[in-house]
Amino acid sequence: MKENRIRPIDDVMVEMYFDGKLVDTYQGSGYHTVEEAVRTAFEGSEREYVNIEDYVFRVINLADSTSARYRVNAGGNVKLIPE
């Protein structure tokens, strides 16, 4: 995403991938950071019993049609996956 950020007024969709397959989506707004959006999507999913580090998240800013992929590392930090 442009500058790797979102604004609270942006409508955001988070796609959750497990083993390369889309397993869940979440849409919302009001997030100040990509990390807030990723964690909210994960905590709201039915797959919360699996480790968050096992997922890849595509965060799509619907306001400006940009997207990027992220992972959560072992330290609990959300990291951009270069494409």
C-alpha atoms as a PDB file:
ATOM      1  CA  MET A   1       0.000   0.000   0.000  1.00  0.00           C
ATOM      2  CA  LYS A   2       1.167   3.532  -0.483  1.00  0.00           C
ATOM      3  CA  GLU A   3       3.511   4.382   2.373  1.00  0.00           C
ATOM      4  CA  ASN A   4       2.381   1.216   4.191  1.00  0.00           C
ATOM      5  CA  ARG A   5      -0.413   2.928   6.109  1.00  0.00           C
ATOM      6  CA  ILE A   6      -4.145   3.407   6.345  1.00  0.00           C
ATOM      7  CA  ARG A   7      -6.307   6.153   7.790  1.00  0.00           C
ATOM      8  CA  PRO A   8      -9.350   5.738  10.059  1.00  0.00           C
ATOM      9  CA  ILE A   9     -11.674   6.958   7.300  1.00  0.00           C
ATOM     10  CA  ASP A  10     -10.428   4.313   4.835  1.00  0.00           C
ATOM     11  CA  ASP A  11     -12.545   1.241   4.165  1.00  0.00           C
ATOM     12  CA  VAL A  12     -10.208  -1.755   4.493  1.00  0.00           C
ATOM     13  CA  MET A  13     -10.532  -5.404   3.489  1.00  0.00           C
ATOM     14  CA  VAL A  14      -8.244  -8.028   5.004  1.00  0.00           C
ATOM     15  CA  GLU A  15      -7.898 -11.383   3.268  1.00  0.00           C
ATOM     16  CA  MET A  16      -6.461 -14.246   5.319  1.00  0.00           C
ATOM     17  CA  TYR A  17      -4.472 -16.970   3.537  1.00  0.00           C
ATOM     18  CA  PHE A  18      -3.429 -20.307   5.002  1.00  0.00           C
ATOM     19  CA  ASP A  19      -1.216 -22.632   2.943  1.00  0.00           C
ATOM     20  CA  GLY A  20      -1.721 -20.345  -0.058  1.00  0.00           C
ATOM     21  CA  LYS A  21      -5.516 -20.583   0.062  1.00  0.00           C
ATOM     22  CA  LEU A  22      -7.940 -17.792   0.901  1.00  0.00           C
ATOM     23  CA  VAL A  23      -9.704 -18.917   4.089  1.00  0.00           C
ATOM     24  CA  ASP A  24     -11.388 -15.776   5.402  1.00  0.00           C
ATOM     25  CA  THR A  25     -12.049 -12.095   4.689  1.00  0.00           C
ATOM     26  CA  TYR A  26     -12.811  -9.175   6.943  1.00  0.00           C
ATOM     27  CA  GLN A  27     -13.926  -5.670   6.051  1.00  0.00           C
ATOM     28  CA  GLY A  28     -14.020  -2.602   8.268  1.00  0.00           C
ATOM     29  CA  SER A  29     -12.790   0.917   8.898  1.00  0.00           C
ATOM     30  CA  GLY A  30     -11.496   3.057  11.749  1.00  0.00           C
ATOM     31  CA  TYR A  31      -7.978   1.615  11.815  1.00  0.00           C
ATOM     32  CA  HIS A  32      -4.949   3.798  12.406  1.00  0.00           C
ATOM     33  CA  THR A  33      -2.418   1.135  11.377  1.00  0.00           C
ATOM     34  CA  VAL A  34      -2.166  -1.955   9.208  1.00  0.00           C
ATOM     35  CA  GLU A  35      -1.377  -3.929  12.372  1.00  0.00           C
ATOM     36  CA  GLU A  36      -4.729  -2.956  13.931  1.00  0.00           C
ATOM     37  CA  ALA A  37      -6.573  -4.175  10.833  1.00  0.00           C
ATOM     38  CA  VAL A  38      -4.640  -7.476  10.699  1.00  0.00           C
ATOM     39  CA  ARG A  39      -5.140  -8.269  14.386  1.00  0.00           C
ATOM     40  CA  THR A  40      -8.848  -7.374  14.292  1.00  0.00           C
ATOM     41  CA  ALA A  41      -9.373  -9.638  11.275  1.00  0.00           C
ATOM     42  CA  PHE A  42      -7.523 -12.524  12.929  1.00  0.00           C
ATOM     43  CA  GLU A  43      -9.271 -12.165  16.287  1.00  0.00           C
ATOM     44  CA  GLY A  44     -12.670 -12.014  14.574  1.00  0.00           C
ATOM     45  CA  SER A  45     -12.115 -15.146  12.521  1.00  0.00           C
ATOM     46  CA  GLU A  46     -13.260 -18.648  13.361  1.00  0.00           C
ATOM     47  CA  ARG A  47      -9.681 -19.825  12.886  1.00  0.00           C
ATOM     48  CA  GLU A  48      -8.286 -18.062  15.911  1.00  0.00           C
ATOM     49  CA  TYR A  49      -7.176 -21.386  17.421  1.00  0.00           C
ATOM     50  CA  VAL A  50      -4.375 -21.521  14.815  1.00  0.00           C
ATOM     51  CA  ASN A  51      -1.218 -19.472  15.337  1.00  0.00           C
ATOM     52  CA  ILE A  52      -1.368 -16.013  13.715  1.00  0.00           C
ATOM     53  CA  GLU A  53       2.163 -16.593  12.404  1.00  0.00           C
ATOM     54  CA  ASP A  54       0.818 -19.325  10.081  1.00  0.00           C
ATOM     55  CA  TYR A  55      -1.208 -16.834   8.022  1.00  0.00           C
ATOM     56  CA  VAL A  56      -0.465 -14.377   5.252  1.00  0.00           C
ATOM     57  CA  PHE A  57      -2.688 -11.290   5.242  1.00  0.00           C
ATOM     58  CA  ARG A  58      -3.482  -9.180   2.199  1.00  0.00           C
ATOM     59  CA  VAL A  59      -4.618  -5.745   3.361  1.00  0.00           C
ATOM     60  CA  ILE A  60      -6.565  -3.868   0.697  1.00  0.00           C
ATOM     61  CA  ASN A  61      -7.314  -0.184   1.101  1.00  0.00           C
ATOM     62  CA  LEU A  62     -10.613   0.106  -0.747  1.00  0.00           C
ATOM     63  CA  ALA A  63     -10.425   3.909  -0.675  1.00  0.00           C
ATOM     64  CA  ASP A  64      -7.435   4.063  -3.026  1.00  0.00           C
ATOM     65  CA  SER A  65      -7.341   0.482  -4.396  1.00  0.00           C
ATOM     66  CA  THR A  66      -3.892  -0.337  -3.037  1.00  0.00           C
ATOM     67  CA  SER A  67      -2.874  -3.552  -1.330  1.00  0.00           C
ATOM     68  CA  ALA A  68       0.085  -5.340   0.218  1.00  0.00           C
ATOM     69  CA  ARG A  69       0.789  -8.694   1.859  1.00  0.00           C
ATOM     70  CA  TYR A  70       1.894  -9.097   5.477  1.00  0.00           C
ATOM     71  CA  ARG A  71       2.966 -11.763   7.959  1.00  0.00           C
ATOM     72  CA  VAL A  72       3.243 -11.679  11.717  1.00  0.00           C
ATOM     73  CA  ASN A  73       6.730 -12.727  12.820  1.00  0.00           C
ATOM     74  CA  ALA A  74       7.699 -14.704  15.938  1.00  0.00           C
ATOM     75  CA  GLY A  75       8.093 -11.454  17.867  1.00  0.00           C
ATOM     76  CA  GLY A  76       4.466 -10.557  17.176  1.00  0.00           C
ATOM     77  CA  ASN A  77       5.297  -7.757  14.721  1.00  0.00           C
ATOM     78  CA  VAL A  78       3.446  -7.303  11.435  1.00  0.00           C
ATOM     79  CA  LYS A  79       5.953  -7.304   8.561  1.00  0.00           C
ATOM     80  CA  LEU A  80       5.508  -6.386   4.903  1.00  0.00           C
ATOM     81  CA  ILE A  81       6.145  -9.182   2.395  1.00  0.00           C
ATOM     82  CA  PRO A  82       7.925  -7.690  -0.614  1.00  0.00           C
ATOM     83  CA  GLU A  83       6.308  -8.500  -3.947  1.00  0.00           C
END
